[in-house]
Amino acid sequence: MDKKFLSTTEVALFLGISRQAVFKKIKAGEIKARKIGRNFVIDRKDLSEIVGKVLNQKQKLEIQESVDKTVREYGETLKLLGRE
């Protein structure tokens, strides 16, 4: 069964950051969370929004440029590896 909410630990693992970093992002309003008892939970439907905030526009551009460069320089090799 798919859970509707994720724990701070699950979100931290998914984002590749510490639980403390998740708490800081919640406190800063970067991650929407609901407090249930003593714990925060994050709605699964908000996950795509959270992921979009993890990378800023400059980082996305750098990644795209790196991918383009790799494809330009190693495109034929990548095609051959894809056939194996």
N, C-alpha and C. Protein backbone atom coordinates (compact mmCIF):
# COMPACT_ATOMS: atom_id res chain seq x y z
N MET A 1 0.84 -1.19 0.00
CA MET A 1 0.00 0.00 0.00
C MET A 1 0.88 1.24 0.00
N ASP A 2 0.55 2.20 -0.84
CA ASP A 2 1.32 3.43 -0.95
C ASP A 2 0.97 4.37 0.19
N LYS A 3 1.98 4.82 0.91
CA LYS A 3 1.74 5.73 2.02
C LYS A 3 1.45 7.14 1.51
N LYS A 4 0.55 7.84 2.18
CA LYS A 4 0.23 9.21 1.80
C LYS A 4 1.28 10.18 2.31
N PHE A 5 1.86 9.87 3.48
CA PHE A 5 2.83 10.76 4.09
C PHE A 5 4.19 10.08 4.22
N LEU A 6 5.23 10.90 4.17
CA LEU A 6 6.60 10.42 4.35
C LEU A 6 7.17 11.01 5.62
N SER A 7 8.02 10.26 6.29
CA SER A 7 8.69 10.77 7.48
C SER A 7 9.86 11.66 7.06
N THR A 8 10.38 12.40 8.00
CA THR A 8 11.55 13.24 7.71
C THR A 8 12.74 12.37 7.33
N THR A 9 12.84 11.20 7.92
CA THR A 9 13.93 10.28 7.58
C THR A 9 13.82 9.82 6.13
N GLU A 10 12.62 9.46 5.70
CA GLU A 10 12.41 9.01 4.33
C GLU A 10 12.72 10.13 3.33
N VAL A 11 12.30 11.34 3.64
CA VAL A 11 12.57 12.48 2.76
C VAL A 11 14.07 12.74 2.70
N ALA A 12 14.75 12.66 3.85
CA ALA A 12 16.19 12.87 3.89
C ALA A 12 16.91 11.85 3.01
N LEU A 13 16.52 10.59 3.10
CA LEU A 13 17.13 9.55 2.28
C LEU A 13 16.88 9.80 0.80
N PHE A 14 15.68 10.18 0.48
CA PHE A 14 15.30 10.43 -0.91
C PHE A 14 16.10 11.60 -1.50
N LEU A 15 16.28 12.66 -0.71
CA LEU A 15 16.99 13.85 -1.19
C LEU A 15 18.50 13.74 -1.06
N GLY A 16 18.96 12.76 -0.29
CA GLY A 16 20.40 12.61 -0.08
C GLY A 16 20.97 13.65 0.85
N ILE A 17 20.15 14.08 1.81
CA ILE A 17 20.60 15.05 2.81
C ILE A 17 20.31 14.49 4.20
N SER A 18 20.81 15.17 5.22
CA SER A 18 20.59 14.69 6.59
C SER A 18 19.18 15.04 7.06
N ARG A 19 18.76 14.35 8.11
CA ARG A 19 17.46 14.65 8.73
C ARG A 19 17.44 16.08 9.26
N GLN A 20 18.58 16.50 9.81
CA GLN A 20 18.68 17.87 10.34
C GLN A 20 18.47 18.89 9.22
N ALA A 21 19.01 18.59 8.03
CA ALA A 21 18.82 19.49 6.89
C ALA A 21 17.34 19.56 6.50
N VAL A 22 16.65 18.43 6.60
CA VAL A 22 15.20 18.42 6.32
C VAL A 22 14.48 19.31 7.33
N PHE A 23 14.82 19.18 8.61
CA PHE A 23 14.20 20.03 9.64
C PHE A 23 14.46 21.51 9.37
N LYS A 24 15.67 21.84 8.95
CA LYS A 24 15.99 23.25 8.65
C LYS A 24 15.16 23.74 7.48
N LYS A 25 14.97 22.90 6.47
CA LYS A 25 14.16 23.29 5.32
C LYS A 25 12.69 23.44 5.70
N ILE A 26 12.22 22.61 6.62
CA ILE A 26 10.85 22.75 7.11
C ILE A 26 10.71 24.07 7.85
N LYS A 27 11.65 24.35 8.72
CA LYS A 27 11.61 25.59 9.51
C LYS A 27 11.70 26.82 8.61
N ALA A 28 12.48 26.72 7.53
CA ALA A 28 12.64 27.85 6.61
C ALA A 28 11.46 27.96 5.63
N GLY A 29 10.56 26.99 5.66
CA GLY A 29 9.40 27.03 4.76
C GLY A 29 9.69 26.48 3.38
N GLU A 30 10.85 25.86 3.20
CA GLU A 30 11.21 25.30 1.91
C GLU A 30 10.52 23.95 1.66
N ILE A 31 10.17 23.28 2.75
CA ILE A 31 9.45 22.01 2.66
C ILE A 31 8.18 22.15 3.48
N LYS A 32 7.03 21.89 2.83
CA LYS A 32 5.76 21.90 3.55
C LYS A 32 5.65 20.62 4.36
N ALA A 33 5.34 20.77 5.63
CA ALA A 33 5.21 19.60 6.49
C ALA A 33 4.07 19.83 7.48
N ARG A 34 3.54 18.73 7.96
CA ARG A 34 2.47 18.77 8.95
C ARG A 34 3.01 18.09 10.20
N LYS A 35 2.68 18.65 11.35
CA LYS A 35 3.12 18.05 12.60
C LYS A 35 2.02 17.14 13.11
N ILE A 36 2.39 15.89 13.33
CA ILE A 36 1.46 14.91 13.89
C ILE A 36 2.12 14.41 15.17
N GLY A 37 1.54 14.80 16.28
CA GLY A 37 2.17 14.47 17.57
C GLY A 37 3.48 15.22 17.69
N ARG A 38 4.54 14.48 17.91
CA ARG A 38 5.86 15.10 18.03
C ARG A 38 6.65 15.07 16.73
N ASN A 39 6.08 14.48 15.70
CA ASN A 39 6.81 14.27 14.45
C ASN A 39 6.24 15.09 13.31
N PHE A 40 7.13 15.44 12.37
CA PHE A 40 6.70 16.07 11.14
C PHE A 40 6.52 15.00 10.07
N VAL A 41 5.53 15.18 9.22
CA VAL A 41 5.33 14.32 8.06
C VAL A 41 5.17 15.21 6.82
N ILE A 42 5.58 14.66 5.69
CA ILE A 42 5.52 15.39 4.43
C ILE A 42 4.59 14.63 3.50
N ASP A 43 3.63 15.34 2.93
CA ASP A 43 2.68 14.72 2.01
C ASP A 43 3.42 14.28 0.75
N ARG A 44 3.18 13.06 0.34
CA ARG A 44 3.86 12.49 -0.83
C ARG A 44 3.63 13.34 -2.08
N LYS A 45 2.45 13.95 -2.22
CA LYS A 45 2.15 14.75 -3.41
C LYS A 45 3.02 16.00 -3.50
N ASP A 46 3.61 16.43 -2.37
CA ASP A 46 4.48 17.60 -2.36
C ASP A 46 5.92 17.25 -2.71
N LEU A 47 6.21 15.98 -2.88
CA LEU A 47 7.59 15.54 -3.10
C LEU A 47 8.19 16.12 -4.38
N SER A 48 7.42 16.17 -5.46
CA SER A 48 7.97 16.71 -6.71
C SER A 48 8.32 18.18 -6.56
N GLU A 49 7.53 18.91 -5.79
CA GLU A 49 7.83 20.32 -5.54
C GLU A 49 9.11 20.44 -4.72
N ILE A 50 9.29 19.57 -3.75
CA ILE A 50 10.49 19.59 -2.92
C ILE A 50 11.73 19.30 -3.76
N VAL A 51 11.63 18.30 -4.61
CA VAL A 51 12.77 17.93 -5.45
C VAL A 51 13.14 19.09 -6.36
N GLY A 52 12.16 19.78 -6.89
CA GLY A 52 12.42 20.94 -7.74
C GLY A 52 13.14 22.05 -7.02
N LYS A 53 12.95 22.14 -5.72
CA LYS A 53 13.61 23.18 -4.95
C LYS A 53 15.02 22.80 -4.55
N VAL A 54 15.34 21.53 -4.59
CA VAL A 54 16.66 21.10 -4.18
C VAL A 54 17.71 21.60 -5.16
N LEU A 55 17.42 21.53 -6.45
CA LEU A 55 18.34 22.04 -7.46
C LEU A 55 17.88 23.42 -7.91
N ASN A 56 18.78 24.38 -7.85
CA ASN A 56 18.41 25.70 -8.36
C ASN A 56 18.65 25.74 -9.86
N GLN A 57 18.27 26.82 -10.49
CA GLN A 57 18.35 26.93 -11.95
C GLN A 57 19.78 26.82 -12.44
N LYS A 58 20.72 27.41 -11.74
CA LYS A 58 22.13 27.35 -12.13
C LYS A 58 22.63 25.90 -12.11
N GLN A 59 22.25 25.16 -11.08
CA GLN A 59 22.66 23.76 -10.98
C GLN A 59 22.06 22.94 -12.11
N LYS A 60 20.81 23.19 -12.43
CA LYS A 60 20.16 22.47 -13.53
C LYS A 60 20.87 22.76 -14.85
N LEU A 61 21.26 24.01 -15.07
CA LEU A 61 21.96 24.40 -16.29
C LEU A 61 23.33 23.70 -16.36
N GLU A 62 24.04 23.66 -15.24
CA GLU A 62 25.35 23.00 -15.20
C GLU A 62 25.21 21.51 -15.53
N ILE A 63 24.18 20.89 -14.99
CA ILE A 63 23.95 19.47 -15.26
C ILE A 63 23.65 19.26 -16.74
N GLN A 64 22.79 20.10 -17.30
CA GLN A 64 22.44 19.98 -18.71
C GLN A 64 23.66 20.16 -19.59
N GLU A 65 24.51 21.14 -19.27
CA GLU A 65 25.73 21.36 -20.05
C GLU A 65 26.66 20.15 -19.97
N SER A 66 26.76 19.56 -18.79
CA SER A 66 27.60 18.37 -18.62
C SER A 66 27.08 17.19 -19.43
N VAL A 67 25.76 17.02 -19.41
CA VAL A 67 25.15 15.93 -20.19
C VAL A 67 25.40 16.16 -21.68
N ASP A 68 25.19 17.38 -22.14
CA ASP A 68 25.40 17.70 -23.55
C ASP A 68 26.85 17.44 -23.96
N LYS A 69 27.79 17.84 -23.12
CA LYS A 69 29.22 17.64 -23.40
C LYS A 69 29.54 16.14 -23.46
N THR A 70 29.00 15.38 -22.52
CA THR A 70 29.23 13.94 -22.50
C THR A 70 28.69 13.27 -23.75
N VAL A 71 27.50 13.65 -24.16
CA VAL A 71 26.89 13.06 -25.36
C VAL A 71 27.71 13.46 -26.59
N ARG A 72 28.16 14.71 -26.65
CA ARG A 72 28.97 15.16 -27.78
C ARG A 72 30.28 14.37 -27.88
N GLU A 73 30.95 14.21 -26.76
CA GLU A 73 32.27 13.58 -26.76
C GLU A 73 32.22 12.05 -26.77
N TYR A 74 31.21 11.47 -26.17
CA TYR A 74 31.16 10.01 -26.02
C TYR A 74 29.89 9.38 -26.59
N GLY A 75 29.22 10.10 -27.45
CA GLY A 75 27.94 9.63 -27.98
C GLY A 75 28.00 8.26 -28.61
N GLU A 76 29.00 8.05 -29.47
CA GLU A 76 29.12 6.75 -30.15
C GLU A 76 29.41 5.63 -29.16
N THR A 77 30.26 5.90 -28.20
CA THR A 77 30.58 4.91 -27.16
C THR A 77 29.34 4.57 -26.36
N LEU A 78 28.56 5.58 -25.99
CA LEU A 78 27.34 5.36 -25.23
C LEU A 78 26.35 4.51 -26.03
N LYS A 79 26.26 4.75 -27.32
CA LYS A 79 25.37 3.94 -28.17
C LYS A 79 25.80 2.49 -28.17
N LEU A 80 27.11 2.27 -28.30
CA LEU A 80 27.63 0.90 -28.31
C LEU A 80 27.38 0.21 -26.97
N LEU A 81 27.58 0.93 -25.88
CA LEU A 81 27.34 0.35 -24.56
C LEU A 81 25.86 0.04 -24.35
N GLY A 82 25.00 0.84 -24.94
CA GLY A 82 23.56 0.62 -24.82
C GLY A 82 23.10 -0.65 -25.51
N ARG A 83 23.88 -1.11 -26.47
CA ARG A 83 23.50 -2.32 -27.21
C ARG A 83 23.88 -3.59 -26.47
N GLU A 84 24.76 -3.48 -25.50
CA GLU A 84 25.21 -4.68 -24.76
C GLU A 84 24.20 -5.15 -23.77
